[in-house]
Amino acid sequence: MSHAPAYPHDAIQPIADEVFAVRGSLLLNPLIRISRNMAIVRQDGELSLINPLRLNDAGMAALQRLGRIRRIVSLGALHGIDDAWYRQQFQVETWARPGSRIYPPPPGHRLLDPTQPLPFAGARLFCFHGTQPESALLLDRGKGLLLTCDALQHYGDYHQHSAMARLVMPFIGFPKTTLVGPIWLKAVTPAGSSLRADFERLLQWRFDSLLSAHGSLLATGAHAAAEAAVRKAFA
């Protein structure tokens, strides 16, 4: 089975207590490379990879120095290009919601369910009700760290984007701000319906930091930024 290669990425950086992140990328075509992020939660020496991102040899060595790669956690149905590689290399557990048409989880995967325990402590799971599964994780770190996939994104810069991608991002709905992912929203909103109620339910949670599967870390002020993004998306 062939796998996608390791695309350019930064070094692993700590972003909260026992939480780390990697800013990486994904090649869409010869001209367009976009950013992609992975969060890493460490507990008792075990690592949970949120929105898994394949790393180069040096990156994998650094990752394994953090702890044992124990599981991958897939928050969004439109992501998963590197999931099978991690399963093949490390025999990790896969945690996901069922229903993804593009990257379906393997038989026997562990179910992400808001009513069931998560694989690490100090976290809560949020589920959107679109046509494809999409979730978010709220980590009890500082004033609250929200991990998302495509639903809610923040762009403080276009680091890890190709030159062409930097040019087109503002014109396809991804300016340098916090936003509801426009491509995701169009793809997963049920016909004749709206996901606004889901976002309003998410905004009842308290968080101050945001890391999505694209863009950059928003270290503070994330809740107010998310409120503004939701207002704009559903104006």
Protein backbone atom coordinates (compact mmCIF):
# COMPACT_ATOMS: atom_id res chain seq x y z
CA MET A 1 0.00 0.00 0.00
CA SER A 2 1.42 3.39 -0.97
CA HIS A 3 1.29 6.32 1.43
CA ALA A 4 1.62 10.06 1.07
CA PRO A 5 5.15 11.33 1.80
CA ALA A 6 6.14 13.54 4.69
CA TYR A 7 5.57 17.10 3.47
CA PRO A 8 7.50 20.12 4.86
CA HIS A 9 6.87 20.86 8.51
CA ASP A 10 8.30 22.73 11.48
CA ALA A 11 9.78 21.25 14.64
CA ILE A 12 7.54 20.04 17.44
CA GLN A 13 6.67 22.88 19.83
CA PRO A 14 5.01 22.85 23.27
CA ILE A 15 1.76 24.82 23.33
CA ALA A 16 0.33 23.88 26.75
CA ASP A 17 1.01 21.56 29.68
CA GLU A 18 1.77 18.15 28.11
CA VAL A 19 0.41 19.35 24.76
CA PHE A 20 2.57 19.88 21.68
CA ALA A 21 1.97 20.88 18.08
CA VAL A 22 3.57 20.56 14.66
CA ARG A 23 2.92 23.05 11.87
CA GLY A 24 3.11 21.12 8.63
CA SER A 25 1.70 21.14 5.14
CA LEU A 26 -0.14 19.20 2.45
CA LEU A 27 0.51 19.34 -1.29
CA LEU A 28 -2.78 19.67 -3.18
CA ASN A 29 -1.23 20.06 -6.62
CA PRO A 30 2.17 21.15 -8.04
CA LEU A 31 1.42 24.81 -7.27
CA ILE A 32 -0.72 24.69 -4.14
CA ARG A 33 0.63 23.58 -0.78
CA ILE A 34 -1.45 24.47 2.29
CA SER A 35 -0.79 24.36 6.00
CA ARG A 36 -1.77 21.41 8.16
CA ASN A 37 -1.33 20.98 11.91
CA MET A 38 -1.08 18.09 14.33
CA ALA A 39 -1.62 18.32 18.08
CA ILE A 40 0.05 15.85 20.44
CA VAL A 41 -1.32 15.08 23.91
CA ARG A 42 0.99 13.24 26.30
CA GLN A 43 -0.27 11.34 29.33
CA ASP A 44 1.72 8.83 31.39
CA GLY A 45 4.36 8.66 28.67
CA GLU A 46 1.83 7.82 25.93
CA LEU A 47 1.15 10.07 22.96
CA SER A 48 -2.20 10.72 21.32
CA LEU A 49 -1.87 12.32 17.88
CA ILE A 50 -4.77 14.64 17.04
CA ASN A 51 -5.27 15.19 13.29
CA PRO A 52 -2.25 12.96 12.50
CA LEU A 53 0.54 14.39 10.34
CA ARG A 54 3.34 12.25 8.98
CA LEU A 55 6.75 13.69 9.86
CA ASN A 56 10.17 13.33 8.26
CA ASP A 57 12.80 11.10 9.84
CA ALA A 58 14.10 13.81 12.15
CA GLY A 59 10.57 14.77 13.13
CA MET A 60 9.62 11.15 13.87
CA ALA A 61 12.71 10.73 16.02
CA ALA A 62 11.79 13.85 18.00
CA LEU A 63 8.19 12.63 18.32
CA GLN A 64 9.29 9.28 19.70
CA ARG A 65 11.53 11.00 22.22
CA LEU A 66 8.39 12.60 23.67
CA GLY A 67 6.86 9.23 24.45
CA ARG A 68 5.25 6.12 23.04
CA ILE A 69 2.99 6.74 20.03
CA ARG A 70 -0.14 5.04 21.34
CA ARG A 71 -3.13 6.30 19.36
CA ILE A 72 -4.36 8.57 16.59
CA VAL A 73 -7.49 10.68 17.02
CA SER A 74 -9.33 11.77 13.88
CA LEU A 75 -11.53 14.81 14.44
CA GLY A 76 -12.65 15.43 10.85
CA ALA A 77 -13.91 13.22 8.05
CA LEU A 78 -12.08 15.23 5.38
CA HIS A 79 -8.73 14.49 7.04
CA GLY A 80 -6.89 11.20 7.39
CA ILE A 81 -4.32 10.96 4.60
CA ASP A 82 -1.62 9.86 7.08
CA ASP A 83 -3.76 7.68 9.37
CA ALA A 84 -3.01 4.41 7.58
CA TRP A 85 0.73 5.12 7.64
CA TYR A 86 0.70 5.50 11.43
CA ARG A 87 -1.34 2.32 11.81
CA GLN A 88 1.11 0.39 9.66
CA GLN A 89 4.22 1.75 11.37
CA PHE A 90 3.13 1.71 15.01
CA GLN A 91 -0.01 -0.46 15.37
CA VAL A 92 -1.75 2.44 17.07
CA GLU A 93 -5.34 2.61 18.23
CA THR A 94 -7.64 4.65 15.99
CA TRP A 95 -10.21 6.86 17.70
CA ALA A 96 -12.85 8.31 15.39
CA ARG A 97 -16.52 8.75 14.73
CA PRO A 98 -17.97 6.47 12.05
CA GLY A 99 -19.35 7.73 8.75
CA SER A 100 -16.38 9.16 6.88
CA ARG A 101 -16.68 8.42 3.17
CA ILE A 102 -13.11 9.50 2.35
CA TYR A 103 -11.06 8.07 5.24
CA PRO A 104 -13.26 5.51 7.00
CA PRO A 105 -11.79 4.23 10.28
CA PRO A 106 -10.71 0.58 10.33
CA PRO A 107 -12.82 -2.24 11.77
CA GLY A 108 -12.58 -2.35 15.53
CA HIS A 109 -11.70 1.33 15.93
CA ARG A 110 -12.41 3.08 19.21
CA LEU A 111 -15.50 5.26 19.08
CA LEU A 112 -15.34 8.97 19.80
CA ASP A 113 -18.50 9.56 21.78
CA PRO A 114 -19.33 12.55 24.04
CA THR A 115 -20.95 10.17 26.55
CA GLN A 116 -17.91 7.87 26.79
CA PRO A 117 -14.45 8.36 28.33
CA LEU A 118 -11.75 9.83 26.11
CA PRO A 119 -8.28 8.29 25.85
CA PHE A 120 -6.73 10.96 28.07
CA ALA A 121 -7.88 12.97 31.05
CA GLY A 122 -8.90 16.62 31.18
CA ALA A 123 -10.75 16.69 27.87
CA ARG A 124 -14.28 17.01 26.51
CA LEU A 125 -15.57 16.01 23.08
CA PHE A 126 -17.88 18.16 20.95
CA CYS A 127 -19.69 16.72 17.91
CA PHE A 128 -21.17 18.61 14.97
CA HIS A 129 -24.26 17.26 13.22
CA GLY A 130 -23.26 17.54 9.57
CA THR A 131 -23.46 14.99 6.80
CA GLN A 132 -19.89 13.91 7.61
CA PRO A 133 -18.49 13.45 11.13
CA GLU A 134 -16.62 16.41 12.60
CA SER A 135 -15.59 16.90 16.21
CA ALA A 136 -13.62 19.20 18.50
CA LEU A 137 -11.73 18.58 21.72
CA LEU A 138 -11.63 20.99 24.63
CA LEU A 139 -8.56 20.45 26.78
CA ASP A 140 -8.47 21.62 30.37
CA ARG A 141 -5.25 23.59 29.99
CA GLY A 142 -4.96 27.18 31.18
CA LYS A 143 -8.19 28.95 30.26
CA GLY A 144 -9.14 26.18 27.84
CA LEU A 145 -7.49 24.95 24.63
CA LEU A 146 -9.87 24.03 21.79
CA LEU A 147 -8.60 21.57 19.17
CA THR A 148 -10.59 21.51 15.93
CA CYS A 149 -10.24 20.12 12.44
CA ASP A 150 -11.94 22.05 9.61
CA ALA A 151 -14.97 23.59 11.35
CA LEU A 152 -13.20 26.47 13.09
CA GLN A 153 -9.83 27.70 11.81
CA HIS A 154 -7.44 30.55 12.55
CA TYR A 155 -4.91 32.13 10.19
CA GLY A 156 -2.46 34.49 11.84
CA ASP A 157 -0.17 33.99 8.87
CA TYR A 158 0.25 31.76 5.81
CA HIS A 159 3.33 29.93 7.02
CA GLN A 160 3.85 26.57 5.24
CA HIS A 161 1.70 27.71 2.31
CA SER A 162 3.27 27.83 -1.14
CA ALA A 163 3.62 31.20 -2.87
CA MET A 164 0.56 30.53 -5.05
CA ALA A 165 -1.50 29.43 -2.06
CA ARG A 166 -0.63 32.66 -0.20
CA LEU A 167 -1.96 34.63 -3.15
CA VAL A 168 -5.27 32.81 -3.48
CA MET A 169 -6.18 32.12 0.16
CA PRO A 170 -7.94 35.47 0.81
CA PHE A 171 -9.98 35.09 -2.38
CA ILE A 172 -11.28 31.58 -1.66
CA GLY A 173 -12.56 32.37 1.82
CA PHE A 174 -9.45 32.07 4.01
CA PRO A 175 -8.27 35.57 5.00
CA LYS A 176 -5.92 36.11 7.94
CA THR A 177 -8.47 35.81 10.72
CA THR A 178 -10.50 33.27 12.66
CA LEU A 179 -13.20 31.70 10.51
CA VAL A 180 -15.69 28.92 10.02
CA GLY A 181 -14.16 26.73 7.31
CA PRO A 182 -16.16 27.69 4.19
CA ILE A 183 -15.31 24.63 2.09
CA TRP A 184 -16.07 22.32 5.01
CA LEU A 185 -19.31 24.14 5.83
CA LYS A 186 -20.59 23.80 2.27
CA ALA A 187 -19.58 20.14 2.09
CA VAL A 188 -21.22 18.93 5.30
CA THR A 189 -24.29 21.13 5.83
CA PRO A 190 -27.46 19.04 5.32
CA ALA A 191 -29.64 20.22 2.42
CA GLY A 192 -32.02 22.95 3.51
CA SER A 193 -30.46 23.09 6.97
CA SER A 194 -27.86 25.03 8.94
CA LEU A 195 -25.11 24.21 11.41
CA ARG A 196 -25.46 27.52 13.21
CA ALA A 197 -27.06 25.85 16.25
CA ASP A 198 -24.03 23.57 16.57
CA PHE A 199 -21.66 26.53 16.66
CA GLU A 200 -23.84 28.34 19.17
CA ARG A 201 -23.71 25.23 21.33
CA LEU A 202 -19.91 25.15 20.99
CA LEU A 203 -19.71 28.80 22.05
CA GLN A 204 -21.30 27.85 25.36
CA TRP A 205 -17.98 26.24 26.21
CA ARG A 206 -15.22 28.43 27.60
CA PHE A 207 -11.85 28.43 25.88
CA ASP A 208 -9.13 30.98 25.25
CA SER A 209 -6.79 29.18 22.83
CA LEU A 210 -7.47 27.51 19.49
CA LEU A 211 -5.48 25.13 17.30
CA SER A 212 -7.14 23.78 14.18
CA ALA A 213 -5.89 21.34 11.56
CA HIS A 214 -5.03 24.33 9.33
CA GLY A 215 -3.59 27.78 9.90
CA SER A 216 -1.83 28.84 13.08
CA LEU A 217 -2.23 28.70 16.84
CA LEU A 218 -4.37 31.41 18.39
CA ALA A 219 -2.85 31.53 21.86
CA THR A 220 -5.35 33.87 23.49
CA GLY A 221 -8.67 35.56 22.73
CA ALA A 222 -10.00 32.55 20.83
CA HIS A 223 -13.52 32.58 22.23
CA ALA A 224 -14.22 36.17 21.17
CA ALA A 225 -12.62 35.45 17.79
CA ALA A 226 -14.82 32.37 17.36
CA GLU A 227 -17.93 34.37 18.23
CA ALA A 228 -17.08 36.89 15.51
CA ALA A 229 -16.40 34.10 13.02
CA VAL A 230 -19.76 32.46 13.69
CA ARG A 231 -21.62 35.76 13.36
CA LYS A 232 -19.97 36.38 10.00
CA ALA A 233 -20.49 32.84 8.67
CA PHE A 234 -24.21 32.85 9.48
CA ALA A 235 -25.01 36.53 9.02
